[in-house]
Amino acid sequence: MKKRLKINGIIMGLAALAIAFFPRFFLQAYSGSVREEILEVLGFAFIILGQIIRVSARGYKAEHSLDSRALIQSGPYQITRNPMYLGIFLIGLGVVLAVFKWWAIIVFMVVFIVRYIVLIYKEEKKLALLFPQSYPEYCRKVPRILPAVSSMIRLDISEYLPMKLVWFKKEIGSILTLVLLVLLVESWEDIAQEGLRDYLLQSVWIFLVFILFIILVILLSRRTIKQSSHGAN
């Protein structure tokens, strides 16, 4: 885990340096177009969805993995074998859509595939050794990353996307840091062109999206509690 975090830190550090030295090469130029606004909204939507999936998967794994002695096949792990990586993918895609030029999507996809697909294959080999009977069957039923729409329709959202406020509280610092950094990068040129007052008036949707995020987390946590109480009965 420490090695993984170190490598991710190096990648993010190099990316931050490249953006700092060559911002006009990487970042979207302000245009005020409808297309730009749509991409920003879509980007923040992906960031929020990715954060919810990541928090749900991480919290659920912490409570049910028994220190990696148990193969988790429920919660978010019943629709995808790698929900945390799915969350990271959506967060990264959202950041690219919100602040970077279109070609950065290709760069992001290549980096993600090279970085995380290798990790996924390594983890799959390890799990196959730890759970030689149950893991192959699990792989046949559940896709590697992208969930099947049929599974999401068939199940209640609280079954495949459980949430507890205690999980969310542990991650709130990193979530707010990411959102604020994206807002800072995205809004810098907008404010320079329009002025702070006009930018704030036009960006009310950002505040509404964040409020929607909080509401969704609360609703999911309540449904999870309700689902747990029914299961206990």
C-alpha atoms as a PDB file:
ATOM      1  CA  MET A   1       0.000   0.000   0.000  1.00  0.00           C
ATOM      2  CA  LYS A   2       2.790   2.460   0.908  1.00  0.00           C
ATOM      3  CA  LYS A   3       4.601   1.687  -2.365  1.00  0.00           C
ATOM      4  CA  ARG A   4       1.376   2.274  -4.307  1.00  0.00           C
ATOM      5  CA  LEU A   5       0.758   5.596  -2.586  1.00  0.00           C
ATOM      6  CA  LYS A   6       4.338   6.636  -3.243  1.00  0.00           C
ATOM      7  CA  ILE A   7       4.055   5.875  -6.962  1.00  0.00           C
ATOM      8  CA  ASN A   8       0.695   7.674  -7.188  1.00  0.00           C
ATOM      9  CA  GLY A   9       2.224  10.641  -5.372  1.00  0.00           C
ATOM     10  CA  ILE A  10       5.098  10.786  -7.862  1.00  0.00           C
ATOM     11  CA  ILE A  11       2.686  10.672 -10.821  1.00  0.00           C
ATOM     12  CA  MET A  12       0.501  13.424  -9.347  1.00  0.00           C
ATOM     13  CA  GLY A  13       3.552  15.523  -8.482  1.00  0.00           C
ATOM     14  CA  LEU A  14       4.936  15.311 -12.010  1.00  0.00           C
ATOM     15  CA  ALA A  15       1.519  16.172 -13.428  1.00  0.00           C
ATOM     16  CA  ALA A  16       1.215  19.190 -11.110  1.00  0.00           C
ATOM     17  CA  LEU A  17       4.681  20.446 -12.154  1.00  0.00           C
ATOM     18  CA  ALA A  18       3.860  20.077 -15.836  1.00  0.00           C
ATOM     19  CA  ILE A  19       0.613  22.027 -15.395  1.00  0.00           C
ATOM     20  CA  ALA A  20       2.327  24.718 -13.310  1.00  0.00           C
ATOM     21  CA  PHE A  21       5.018  25.313 -15.955  1.00  0.00           C
ATOM     22  CA  PHE A  22       2.824  24.915 -19.050  1.00  0.00           C
ATOM     23  CA  PRO A  23      -0.753  25.860 -18.005  1.00  0.00           C
ATOM     24  CA  ARG A  24      -1.865  27.087 -21.448  1.00  0.00           C
ATOM     25  CA  PHE A  25      -0.735  23.831 -23.026  1.00  0.00           C
ATOM     26  CA  PHE A  26      -2.778  21.619 -20.695  1.00  0.00           C
ATOM     27  CA  LEU A  27      -5.700  23.687 -19.383  1.00  0.00           C
ATOM     28  CA  GLN A  28      -8.829  24.765 -21.221  1.00  0.00           C
ATOM     29  CA  ALA A  29      -8.846  28.358 -22.428  1.00  0.00           C
ATOM     30  CA  TYR A  30     -11.842  30.365 -21.239  1.00  0.00           C
ATOM     31  CA  SER A  31     -14.506  30.709 -23.935  1.00  0.00           C
ATOM     32  CA  GLY A  32     -17.801  31.023 -22.064  1.00  0.00           C
ATOM     33  CA  SER A  33     -19.402  28.605 -24.536  1.00  0.00           C
ATOM     34  CA  VAL A  34     -22.265  26.238 -23.779  1.00  0.00           C
ATOM     35  CA  ARG A  35     -19.969  23.311 -24.561  1.00  0.00           C
ATOM     36  CA  GLU A  36     -17.534  24.467 -21.882  1.00  0.00           C
ATOM     37  CA  GLU A  37     -20.316  24.787 -19.303  1.00  0.00           C
ATOM     38  CA  ILE A  38     -21.651  21.314 -20.142  1.00  0.00           C
ATOM     39  CA  LEU A  39     -18.203  19.756 -19.787  1.00  0.00           C
ATOM     40  CA  GLU A  40     -17.720  21.462 -16.417  1.00  0.00           C
ATOM     41  CA  VAL A  41     -21.071  20.208 -15.106  1.00  0.00           C
ATOM     42  CA  LEU A  42     -20.390  16.718 -16.449  1.00  0.00           C
ATOM     43  CA  GLY A  43     -16.906  16.785 -14.946  1.00  0.00           C
ATOM     44  CA  PHE A  44     -18.122  17.702 -11.469  1.00  0.00           C
ATOM     45  CA  ALA A  45     -20.883  15.075 -11.744  1.00  0.00           C
ATOM     46  CA  PHE A  46     -18.279  12.380 -12.479  1.00  0.00           C
ATOM     47  CA  ILE A  47     -16.105  13.611  -9.588  1.00  0.00           C
ATOM     48  CA  ILE A  48     -19.026  13.371  -7.165  1.00  0.00           C
ATOM     49  CA  LEU A  49     -20.147   9.949  -8.431  1.00  0.00           C
ATOM     50  CA  GLY A  50     -16.582   8.665  -8.278  1.00  0.00           C
ATOM     51  CA  GLN A  51     -16.146   9.925  -4.720  1.00  0.00           C
ATOM     52  CA  ILE A  52     -19.357   8.224  -3.596  1.00  0.00           C
ATOM     53  CA  ILE A  53     -18.316   4.907  -5.173  1.00  0.00           C
ATOM     54  CA  ARG A  54     -14.801   5.148  -3.721  1.00  0.00           C
ATOM     55  CA  VAL A  55     -16.013   5.984  -0.196  1.00  0.00           C
ATOM     56  CA  SER A  56     -18.630   3.229  -0.323  1.00  0.00           C
ATOM     57  CA  ALA A  57     -16.152   0.615  -1.541  1.00  0.00           C
ATOM     58  CA  ARG A  58     -13.407   1.599   0.887  1.00  0.00           C
ATOM     59  CA  GLY A  59     -15.721   1.723   3.902  1.00  0.00           C
ATOM     60  CA  TYR A  60     -17.459  -1.528   3.003  1.00  0.00           C
ATOM     61  CA  LYS A  61     -14.155  -3.328   2.497  1.00  0.00           C
ATOM     62  CA  ALA A  62     -12.817  -2.086   5.848  1.00  0.00           C
ATOM     63  CA  GLU A  63     -15.832  -3.552   7.649  1.00  0.00           C
ATOM     64  CA  HIS A  64     -16.166  -6.855   5.789  1.00  0.00           C
ATOM     65  CA  SER A  65     -12.745  -8.017   4.566  1.00  0.00           C
ATOM     66  CA  LEU A  66     -11.628  -9.394   7.967  1.00  0.00           C
ATOM     67  CA  ASP A  67      -8.104  -8.077   7.291  1.00  0.00           C
ATOM     68  CA  SER A  68      -8.151  -9.546   3.767  1.00  0.00           C
ATOM     69  CA  ARG A  69      -9.106 -13.013   5.032  1.00  0.00           C
ATOM     70  CA  ALA A  70     -12.556 -12.893   3.414  1.00  0.00           C
ATOM     71  CA  LEU A  71     -13.512 -12.503  -0.241  1.00  0.00           C
ATOM     72  CA  ILE A  72     -16.078  -9.710  -0.421  1.00  0.00           C
ATOM     73  CA  GLN A  73     -18.857 -10.408  -2.919  1.00  0.00           C
ATOM     74  CA  SER A  74     -21.560  -8.080  -1.633  1.00  0.00           C
ATOM     75  CA  GLY A  75     -22.095  -4.329  -1.427  1.00  0.00           C
ATOM     76  CA  PRO A  76     -20.371  -2.480  -4.290  1.00  0.00           C
ATOM     77  CA  TYR A  77     -18.321  -5.623  -4.965  1.00  0.00           C
ATOM     78  CA  GLN A  78     -21.387  -7.414  -6.332  1.00  0.00           C
ATOM     79  CA  ILE A  79     -21.573  -5.170  -9.421  1.00  0.00           C
ATOM     80  CA  THR A  80     -17.837  -4.686 -10.059  1.00  0.00           C
ATOM     81  CA  ARG A  81     -14.764  -6.498  -8.757  1.00  0.00           C
ATOM     82  CA  ASN A  82     -12.848  -3.214  -8.443  1.00  0.00           C
ATOM     83  CA  PRO A  83     -15.221  -0.481  -7.256  1.00  0.00           C
ATOM     84  CA  MET A  84     -12.421   1.640  -5.757  1.00  0.00           C
ATOM     85  CA  TYR A  85     -10.609   1.736  -9.086  1.00  0.00           C
ATOM     86  CA  LEU A  86     -13.892   2.551 -10.817  1.00  0.00           C
ATOM     87  CA  GLY A  87     -14.317   5.474  -8.426  1.00  0.00           C
ATOM     88  CA  ILE A  88     -10.763   6.676  -9.102  1.00  0.00           C
ATOM     89  CA  PHE A  89     -11.371   6.417 -12.855  1.00  0.00           C
ATOM     90  CA  LEU A  90     -14.541   8.527 -12.660  1.00  0.00           C
ATOM     91  CA  ILE A  91     -12.848  11.133 -10.436  1.00  0.00           C
ATOM     92  CA  GLY A  92      -9.908  11.431 -12.833  1.00  0.00           C
ATOM     93  CA  LEU A  93     -12.184  11.605 -15.871  1.00  0.00           C
ATOM     94  CA  GLY A  94     -14.239  14.305 -14.160  1.00  0.00           C
ATOM     95  CA  VAL A  95     -11.160  16.408 -13.415  1.00  0.00           C
ATOM     96  CA  VAL A  96     -10.006  16.117 -17.034  1.00  0.00           C
ATOM     97  CA  LEU A  97     -13.410  17.132 -18.408  1.00  0.00           C
ATOM     98  CA  ALA A  98     -13.700  20.092 -16.030  1.00  0.00           C
ATOM     99  CA  VAL A  99     -10.312  21.736 -16.483  1.00  0.00           C
ATOM    100  CA  PHE A 100      -8.182  20.127 -19.211  1.00  0.00           C
ATOM    101  CA  LYS A 101      -8.179  20.244 -22.991  1.00  0.00           C
ATOM    102  CA  TRP A 102      -9.938  17.446 -24.869  1.00  0.00           C
ATOM    103  CA  TRP A 103      -6.759  15.542 -25.810  1.00  0.00           C
ATOM    104  CA  ALA A 104      -5.909  15.139 -22.121  1.00  0.00           C
ATOM    105  CA  ILE A 105      -8.633  12.465 -21.983  1.00  0.00           C
ATOM    106  CA  ILE A 106      -6.444  10.241 -24.161  1.00  0.00           C
ATOM    107  CA  VAL A 107      -3.419  10.845 -21.924  1.00  0.00           C
ATOM    108  CA  PHE A 108      -5.489  10.111 -18.816  1.00  0.00           C
ATOM    109  CA  MET A 109      -6.855   6.862 -20.285  1.00  0.00           C
ATOM    110  CA  VAL A 110      -3.357   5.660 -21.202  1.00  0.00           C
ATOM    111  CA  VAL A 111      -1.942   6.521 -17.764  1.00  0.00           C
ATOM    112  CA  PHE A 112      -4.890   4.871 -16.003  1.00  0.00           C
ATOM    113  CA  ILE A 113      -4.603   1.687 -18.064  1.00  0.00           C
ATOM    114  CA  VAL A 114      -0.832   1.429 -17.597  1.00  0.00           C
ATOM    115  CA  ARG A 115      -1.021   2.200 -13.873  1.00  0.00           C
ATOM    116  CA  TYR A 116      -4.156   0.444 -12.643  1.00  0.00           C
ATOM    117  CA  ILE A 117      -4.732  -2.437 -15.044  1.00  0.00           C
ATOM    118  CA  VAL A 118      -1.312  -3.796 -14.063  1.00  0.00           C
ATOM    119  CA  LEU A 119      -2.289  -3.484 -10.390  1.00  0.00           C
ATOM    120  CA  ILE A 120      -5.609  -5.186 -11.028  1.00  0.00           C
ATOM    121  CA  TYR A 121      -3.973  -8.207 -12.695  1.00  0.00           C
ATOM    122  CA  LYS A 122      -1.488  -8.524  -9.824  1.00  0.00           C
ATOM    123  CA  GLU A 123      -4.298  -8.410  -7.266  1.00  0.00           C
ATOM    124  CA  GLU A 124      -6.341 -10.946  -9.235  1.00  0.00           C
ATOM    125  CA  LYS A 125      -3.458 -13.423  -9.187  1.00  0.00           C
ATOM    126  CA  LYS A 126      -3.114 -12.955  -5.436  1.00  0.00           C
ATOM    127  CA  LEU A 127      -6.848 -13.434  -4.843  1.00  0.00           C
ATOM    128  CA  ALA A 128      -6.906 -16.519  -7.055  1.00  0.00           C
ATOM    129  CA  LEU A 129      -4.256 -18.078  -4.796  1.00  0.00           C
ATOM    130  CA  LEU A 130      -6.024 -17.050  -1.588  1.00  0.00           C
ATOM    131  CA  PHE A 131      -9.484 -18.174  -2.728  1.00  0.00           C
ATOM    132  CA  PRO A 132      -8.917 -20.894  -5.379  1.00  0.00           C
ATOM    133  CA  GLN A 133     -12.521 -22.094  -5.386  1.00  0.00           C
ATOM    134  CA  SER A 134     -14.654 -19.007  -4.780  1.00  0.00           C
ATOM    135  CA  TYR A 135     -12.681 -16.376  -6.700  1.00  0.00           C
ATOM    136  CA  PRO A 136     -12.918 -17.923 -10.213  1.00  0.00           C
ATOM    137  CA  GLU A 137     -16.680 -18.265  -9.768  1.00  0.00           C
ATOM    138  CA  TYR A 138     -16.872 -14.675  -8.558  1.00  0.00           C
ATOM    139  CA  CYS A 139     -14.953 -13.519 -11.651  1.00  0.00           C
ATOM    140  CA  ARG A 140     -17.414 -15.317 -13.917  1.00  0.00           C
ATOM    141  CA  LYS A 141     -20.369 -13.519 -12.318  1.00  0.00           C
ATOM    142  CA  VAL A 142     -19.015  -9.985 -11.767  1.00  0.00           C
ATOM    143  CA  PRO A 143     -17.269  -7.736 -14.341  1.00  0.00           C
ATOM    144  CA  ARG A 144     -13.742  -6.474 -13.708  1.00  0.00           C
ATOM    145  CA  ILE A 145     -14.465  -2.719 -13.663  1.00  0.00           C
ATOM    146  CA  LEU A 146     -17.550  -1.471 -15.518  1.00  0.00           C
ATOM    147  CA  PRO A 147     -20.815  -2.649 -13.876  1.00  0.00           C
ATOM    148  CA  ALA A 148     -23.575  -4.277 -15.876  1.00  0.00           C
ATOM    149  CA  VAL A 149     -26.643  -2.044 -16.170  1.00  0.00           C
ATOM    150  CA  SER A 150     -28.907  -5.060 -15.589  1.00  0.00           C
ATOM    151  CA  SER A 151     -27.370  -5.647 -12.146  1.00  0.00           C
ATOM    152  CA  MET A 152     -27.845  -2.014 -11.136  1.00  0.00           C
ATOM    153  CA  ILE A 153     -31.499  -2.110 -12.215  1.00  0.00           C
ATOM    154  CA  ARG A 154     -32.197  -5.426 -10.506  1.00  0.00           C
ATOM    155  CA  LEU A 155     -30.718  -4.444  -7.133  1.00  0.00           C
ATOM    156  CA  ASP A 156     -31.704  -1.697  -4.711  1.00  0.00           C
ATOM    157  CA  ILE A 157     -29.169   1.126  -4.687  1.00  0.00           C
ATOM    158  CA  SER A 158     -28.526   0.595  -0.967  1.00  0.00           C
ATOM    159  CA  GLU A 159     -27.409  -2.978  -1.780  1.00  0.00           C
ATOM    160  CA  TYR A 160     -24.686  -2.078  -4.279  1.00  0.00           C
ATOM    161  CA  LEU A 161     -23.847   1.424  -3.033  1.00  0.00           C
ATOM    162  CA  PRO A 162     -24.039   1.291   0.774  1.00  0.00           C
ATOM    163  CA  MET A 163     -22.982   4.398   2.646  1.00  0.00           C
ATOM    164  CA  LYS A 164     -22.334   5.316   6.261  1.00  0.00           C
ATOM    165  CA  LEU A 165     -21.690   8.837   7.478  1.00  0.00           C
ATOM    166  CA  VAL A 166     -18.683   7.600   9.445  1.00  0.00           C
ATOM    167  CA  TRP A 167     -17.097   6.429   6.155  1.00  0.00           C
ATOM    168  CA  PHE A 168     -17.825   9.793   4.582  1.00  0.00           C
ATOM    169  CA  LYS A 169     -16.397  11.736   7.535  1.00  0.00           C
ATOM    170  CA  LYS A 170     -13.075   9.907   7.195  1.00  0.00           C
ATOM    171  CA  GLU A 171     -12.807  11.000   3.551  1.00  0.00           C
ATOM    172  CA  ILE A 172     -14.268  14.514   3.750  1.00  0.00           C
ATOM    173  CA  GLY A 173     -10.845  16.166   3.966  1.00  0.00           C
ATOM    174  CA  SER A 174      -9.527  14.629   0.741  1.00  0.00           C
ATOM    175  CA  ILE A 175     -12.863  15.197  -1.021  1.00  0.00           C
ATOM    176  CA  LEU A 176     -12.970  18.898  -0.170  1.00  0.00           C
ATOM    177  CA  THR A 177      -9.304  19.347  -1.076  1.00  0.00           C
ATOM    178  CA  LEU A 178      -9.836  17.856  -4.530  1.00  0.00           C
ATOM    179  CA  VAL A 179     -13.018  19.845  -5.194  1.00  0.00           C
ATOM    180  CA  LEU A 180     -11.423  23.115  -4.096  1.00  0.00           C
ATOM    181  CA  LEU A 181      -8.322  22.510  -6.220  1.00  0.00           C
ATOM    182  CA  VAL A 182     -10.429  21.770  -9.295  1.00  0.00           C
ATOM    183  CA  LEU A 183     -12.527  24.876  -8.629  1.00  0.00           C
ATOM    184  CA  LEU A 184      -9.404  26.989  -8.243  1.00  0.00           C
ATOM    185  CA  VAL A 185      -7.894  25.800 -11.523  1.00  0.00           C
ATOM    186  CA  GLU A 186     -11.197  25.928 -13.392  1.00  0.00           C
ATOM    187  CA  SER A 187     -12.224  29.363 -12.154  1.00  0.00           C
ATOM    188  CA  TRP A 188      -8.882  31.195 -12.329  1.00  0.00           C
ATOM    189  CA  GLU A 189      -9.190  32.357 -15.930  1.00  0.00           C
ATOM    190  CA  ASP A 190     -12.976  32.729 -15.699  1.00  0.00           C
ATOM    191  CA  ILE A 191     -12.599  35.224 -12.853  1.00  0.00           C
ATOM    192  CA  ALA A 192      -9.878  37.089 -14.739  1.00  0.00           C
ATOM    193  CA  GLN A 193     -12.172  37.453 -17.753  1.00  0.00           C
ATOM    194  CA  GLU A 194     -15.513  38.097 -16.028  1.00  0.00           C
ATOM    195  CA  GLY A 195     -14.674  39.372 -12.563  1.00  0.00           C
ATOM    196  CA  LEU A 196     -15.420  37.625  -9.283  1.00  0.00           C
ATOM    197  CA  ARG A 197     -18.997  38.887  -8.921  1.00  0.00           C
ATOM    198  CA  ASP A 198     -20.151  37.796 -12.383  1.00  0.00           C
ATOM    199  CA  TYR A 199     -18.378  34.464 -12.059  1.00  0.00           C
ATOM    200  CA  LEU A 200     -20.077  33.709  -8.729  1.00  0.00           C
ATOM    201  CA  LEU A 201     -23.485  34.595 -10.142  1.00  0.00           C
ATOM    202  CA  GLN A 202     -22.967  32.268 -13.103  1.00  0.00           C
ATOM    203  CA  SER A 203     -21.567  29.454 -10.989  1.00  0.00           C
ATOM    204  CA  VAL A 204     -24.427  28.926  -8.567  1.00  0.00           C
ATOM    205  CA  TRP A 205     -24.743  25.436 -10.060  1.00  0.00           C
ATOM    206  CA  ILE A 206     -21.435  24.462  -8.410  1.00  0.00           C
ATOM    207  CA  PHE A 207     -22.901  25.146  -4.973  1.00  0.00           C
ATOM    208  CA  LEU A 208     -26.117  23.313  -5.897  1.00  0.00           C
ATOM    209  CA  VAL A 209     -24.170  20.280  -7.136  1.00  0.00           C
ATOM    210  CA  PHE A 210     -22.230  20.096  -3.867  1.00  0.00           C
ATOM    211  CA  ILE A 211     -25.465  20.368  -1.851  1.00  0.00           C
ATOM    212  CA  LEU A 212     -26.898  17.560  -3.993  1.00  0.00           C
ATOM    213  CA  PHE A 213     -23.794  15.513  -3.198  1.00  0.00           C
ATOM    214  CA  ILE A 214     -24.323  15.928   0.563  1.00  0.00           C
ATOM    215  CA  ILE A 215     -28.026  15.098   0.251  1.00  0.00           C
ATOM    216  CA  LEU A 216     -27.240  11.975  -1.774  1.00  0.00           C
ATOM    217  CA  VAL A 217     -24.719  10.788   0.830  1.00  0.00           C
ATOM    218  CA  ILE A 218     -27.265  11.297   3.628  1.00  0.00           C
ATOM    219  CA  LEU A 219     -30.023   9.482   1.706  1.00  0.00           C
ATOM    220  CA  LEU A 220     -27.727   6.573   0.901  1.00  0.00           C
ATOM    221  CA  SER A 221     -26.650   6.294   4.545  1.00  0.00           C
ATOM    222  CA  ARG A 222     -30.291   6.227   5.684  1.00  0.00           C
ATOM    223  CA  ARG A 223     -31.180   3.562   3.138  1.00  0.00           C
ATOM    224  CA  THR A 224     -28.165   1.528   4.223  1.00  0.00           C
ATOM    225  CA  ILE A 225     -29.260   1.705   7.869  1.00  0.00           C
ATOM    226  CA  LYS A 226     -32.801   0.735   6.870  1.00  0.00           C
ATOM    227  CA  GLN A 227     -31.529  -2.168   4.737  1.00  0.00           C
ATOM    228  CA  SER A 228     -29.321  -3.377   7.606  1.00  0.00           C
ATOM    229  CA  SER A 229     -32.199  -3.297  10.084  1.00  0.00           C
ATOM    230  CA  HIS A 230     -34.390  -5.325   7.702  1.00  0.00           C
ATOM    231  CA  GLY A 231     -31.572  -7.840   7.262  1.00  0.00           C
ATOM    232  CA  ALA A 232     -31.193  -8.182  11.013  1.00  0.00           C
ATOM    233  CA  ASN A 233     -34.890  -8.884  11.366  1.00  0.00           C
END
